[in-house]
C-alpha cells in the first residue's frame, strides 16, 4: 500500500522570487538598488585590482525633480523616475550597472574602461539625454537636468567606500557650481 501526496509549490516559489527581487531591486524602476550596486561594485573592484584596470562610478542627482512632484503629483514624479531609468540604461553598455539608490538619486557603475574620458563621455551622453523633454502619460511635458559626479578607480579611491564618497562629493561640486553639469572628482588642495 502506498500513500502519495501532491503539493503545488508554484505560489511559494513565486513568493520567494518576489522577496529576492524586492531585496535587490528598486520596486518602482526595477533597477538594482543600493544593496545590489554595492555587491556589483565590490566584484568590479576585485576584478579591476586583479587585472590592473580602471572603473568609474557616477553619482547622478536630478535637478528640478521636486517641482514636478509639487506641480503634477507623485504619480507624475514616479512616471518621470521610470522614464529617467530607461534613458539611463540606454546610455550605457549591457555590462554596466544603473542603480536607483533613493529618491531622485541614481548611480552608474562602469566596471571596465581605458581612460577617464570614457567615463566623462558616458556622463556627457547621460547629461544630454536627461535634458531632452519628457512627455508623461497625462500629456504633461517636463524638463529636468542633472548634476553628476564621477570618481575613477584607482585614482580617486582604492576601496568602495572612498570611491562612492568621492563620486558623491563630485556630484555636490556640480550642484554647488550651478547644477546642470557633471564634474570629475578632484581632491581639495
Protein backbone atom coordinates (compact mmCIF):
# COMPACT_ATOMS: atom_id res chain seq x y z
CA UNK A 1 0.00 0.00 0.00
CA UNK A 2 1.24 3.47 -0.89
CA UNK A 3 0.09 6.90 0.09
CA UNK A 4 1.02 9.78 -2.12
CA UNK A 5 0.67 13.46 -1.51
CA UNK A 6 0.97 16.22 -4.02
CA UNK A 7 1.68 19.82 -3.13
CA UNK A 8 1.82 22.58 -5.67
CA UNK A 9 4.69 24.86 -4.64
CA UNK A 10 4.30 27.26 -7.55
CA UNK A 11 2.92 30.06 -5.36
CA UNK A 12 5.64 29.60 -2.74
CA UNK A 13 8.35 29.70 -5.44
CA UNK A 14 6.82 32.85 -6.91
CA UNK A 15 6.71 34.45 -3.45
CA UNK A 16 10.38 33.54 -2.87
CA UNK A 17 11.33 35.12 -6.21
CA UNK A 18 9.36 38.26 -5.33
CA UNK A 19 11.18 38.54 -1.99
CA UNK A 20 14.56 38.19 -3.74
CA UNK A 21 13.54 40.83 -6.27
CA UNK A 22 12.45 43.26 -3.54
CA UNK A 23 15.72 42.71 -1.66
CA UNK A 24 17.93 43.68 -4.60
CA UNK A 25 15.85 45.85 -6.96
CA UNK A 26 14.03 49.15 -6.67
CA UNK A 27 10.28 48.39 -6.84
CA UNK A 28 9.46 51.50 -8.92
CA UNK A 29 12.12 51.41 -11.63
CA UNK A 30 13.18 47.75 -11.36
CA UNK A 31 16.78 48.93 -11.40
CA UNK A 32 19.28 47.42 -8.97
CA UNK A 33 19.09 49.07 -5.56
CA UNK A 34 21.94 50.29 -3.34
CA UNK A 35 22.50 46.81 -1.91
CA UNK A 36 22.94 45.13 -5.30
CA UNK A 37 25.04 48.05 -6.57
CA UNK A 38 27.41 47.68 -3.60
CA UNK A 39 27.82 43.99 -4.40
CA UNK A 40 28.50 44.70 -8.07
CA UNK A 41 30.92 47.49 -7.16
CA UNK A 42 32.79 45.12 -4.84
CA UNK A 43 33.06 42.48 -7.58
CA UNK A 44 34.13 45.08 -10.16
CA UNK A 45 36.85 46.40 -7.85
CA UNK A 46 38.16 42.89 -7.20
CA UNK A 47 38.45 42.33 -10.97
CA UNK A 48 39.91 45.80 -11.59
CA UNK A 49 42.60 45.27 -8.93
CA UNK A 50 43.44 41.80 -10.24
CA UNK A 51 43.60 42.89 -13.89
CA UNK A 52 45.10 46.37 -13.27
CA UNK A 53 42.09 48.03 -14.91
CA UNK A 54 40.14 51.18 -14.23
CA UNK A 55 36.48 51.54 -13.41
CA UNK A 56 34.23 54.53 -12.88
CA UNK A 57 31.35 55.35 -10.59
CA UNK A 58 28.90 58.12 -11.49
CA UNK A 59 26.59 59.64 -8.88
CA UNK A 60 23.61 61.37 -10.53
CA UNK A 61 21.05 63.60 -8.86
CA UNK A 62 18.12 65.03 -10.80
CA UNK A 63 17.71 68.80 -10.86
CA UNK A 64 14.19 70.27 -10.79
CA UNK A 65 12.58 66.97 -9.73
CA UNK A 66 10.73 68.31 -6.68
CA UNK A 67 8.77 70.89 -8.73
CA UNK A 68 7.47 68.04 -10.92
CA UNK A 69 6.08 66.27 -7.84
CA UNK A 70 4.70 69.54 -6.48
CA UNK A 71 3.04 70.66 -9.72
CA UNK A 72 1.83 67.36 -11.22
CA UNK A 73 1.69 64.98 -8.23
CA UNK A 74 3.61 61.95 -7.08
CA UNK A 75 2.24 59.72 -9.83
CA UNK A 76 3.83 62.00 -12.42
CA UNK A 77 7.04 62.02 -10.37
CA UNK A 78 7.05 58.21 -10.32
CA UNK A 79 6.47 58.10 -14.06
CA UNK A 80 9.33 60.54 -14.58
CA UNK A 81 11.67 58.39 -12.46
CA UNK A 82 10.76 55.34 -14.58
CA UNK A 83 11.45 57.30 -17.78
CA UNK A 84 14.79 58.50 -16.36
CA UNK A 85 15.70 54.89 -15.57
CA UNK A 86 15.03 53.88 -19.20
CA UNK A 87 17.10 56.76 -20.54
CA UNK A 88 20.00 55.98 -18.23
CA UNK A 89 20.02 52.35 -19.33
CA UNK A 90 20.01 53.46 -22.97
CA UNK A 91 23.25 55.40 -22.33
CA UNK A 92 25.34 52.50 -21.04
CA UNK A 93 26.58 49.09 -22.09
CA UNK A 94 24.88 45.88 -21.01
CA UNK A 95 27.86 45.14 -18.74
CA UNK A 96 27.39 48.45 -16.85
CA UNK A 97 25.04 48.86 -13.89
CA UNK A 98 22.47 51.61 -13.46
CA UNK A 99 21.02 51.71 -9.94
CA UNK A 100 18.46 53.84 -8.18
CA UNK A 101 19.74 54.43 -4.70
CA UNK A 102 16.86 56.50 -3.39
CA UNK A 103 14.58 59.41 -4.22
CA UNK A 104 15.88 61.05 -7.37
CA UNK A 105 19.43 59.72 -6.99
CA UNK A 106 20.99 57.19 -9.33
CA UNK A 107 24.42 55.65 -9.68
CA UNK A 108 26.11 54.18 -12.74
CA UNK A 109 28.94 51.67 -12.46
CA UNK A 110 31.24 51.37 -15.45
CA UNK A 111 33.21 48.25 -14.47
CA UNK A 112 35.78 48.45 -17.25
CA UNK A 113 37.24 51.42 -19.06
CA UNK A 114 40.52 52.58 -20.52
CA UNK A 115 40.59 56.33 -19.95
CA UNK A 116 38.89 58.89 -17.72
CA UNK A 117 37.47 60.34 -20.96
CA UNK A 118 35.44 57.13 -21.35
CA UNK A 119 33.59 57.96 -18.13
CA UNK A 120 33.16 61.63 -19.00
CA UNK A 121 31.84 60.56 -22.42
CA UNK A 122 29.14 58.46 -20.73
CA UNK A 123 28.36 61.32 -18.33
CA UNK A 124 28.04 63.70 -21.28
CA UNK A 125 25.67 61.31 -23.04
CA UNK A 126 23.56 60.93 -19.87
CA UNK A 127 23.52 64.69 -19.30
CA UNK A 128 22.31 65.36 -22.86
CA UNK A 129 19.71 62.57 -22.70
CA UNK A 130 18.21 63.84 -19.42
CA UNK A 131 17.93 67.41 -20.76
CA UNK A 132 15.57 66.23 -23.50
CA UNK A 133 11.90 66.87 -22.60
CA UNK A 134 9.89 64.04 -21.06
CA UNK A 135 6.26 63.61 -22.11
CA UNK A 136 4.17 61.94 -19.41
CA UNK A 137 1.03 59.88 -19.98
CA UNK A 138 -1.26 62.71 -18.84
CA UNK A 139 0.20 64.90 -21.58
CA UNK A 140 2.50 66.99 -19.40
CA UNK A 141 5.86 67.92 -20.85
CA UNK A 142 8.55 68.02 -18.21
CA UNK A 143 12.09 69.36 -18.42
CA UNK A 144 14.76 68.47 -15.91
CA UNK A 145 18.52 68.39 -15.84
CA UNK A 146 21.05 66.51 -13.76
CA UNK A 147 24.09 67.05 -11.60
CA UNK A 148 26.61 64.22 -11.68
CA UNK A 149 29.88 63.37 -10.03
CA UNK A 150 32.44 60.94 -11.41
CA UNK A 151 35.07 59.03 -9.45
CA UNK A 152 37.60 56.70 -11.08
CA UNK A 153 39.38 53.70 -9.60
CA UNK A 154 42.22 53.71 -8.68
CA UNK A 155 42.90 57.46 -8.95
CA UNK A 156 40.03 58.62 -6.74
CA UNK A 157 39.77 55.72 -4.35
CA UNK A 158 41.09 52.21 -3.82
CA UNK A 159 38.08 50.90 -1.88
CA UNK A 160 34.32 51.01 -2.40
CA UNK A 161 33.55 53.47 0.40
CA UNK A 162 36.14 56.01 -0.73
CA UNK A 163 35.18 55.76 -4.38
CA UNK A 164 31.48 56.17 -3.53
CA UNK A 165 32.21 59.09 -1.23
CA UNK A 166 34.28 60.83 -3.90
CA UNK A 167 31.60 60.34 -6.58
CA UNK A 168 29.10 61.86 -4.13
CA UNK A 169 31.46 64.77 -3.36
CA UNK A 170 31.93 65.44 -7.08
CA UNK A 171 28.14 65.48 -7.53
CA UNK A 172 27.88 68.10 -4.79
CA UNK A 173 30.63 70.09 -6.55
CA UNK A 174 28.41 70.02 -9.66
CA UNK A 175 25.41 71.21 -7.63
CA UNK A 176 27.44 73.99 -5.99
CA UNK A 177 28.78 75.12 -9.37
CA UNK A 178 25.22 75.81 -10.53
CA UNK A 179 23.71 72.37 -11.29
CA UNK A 180 23.04 71.04 -14.80
CA UNK A 181 26.58 69.65 -15.24
CA UNK A 182 28.90 66.79 -14.39
CA UNK A 183 32.18 67.02 -12.52
CA UNK A 184 35.16 64.68 -12.36
CA UNK A 185 36.31 64.34 -8.74
CA UNK A 186 39.26 66.48 -7.73
CA UNK A 187 40.81 66.31 -4.29
CA UNK A 188 40.74 69.58 -2.38
CA UNK A 189 44.15 71.22 -2.28
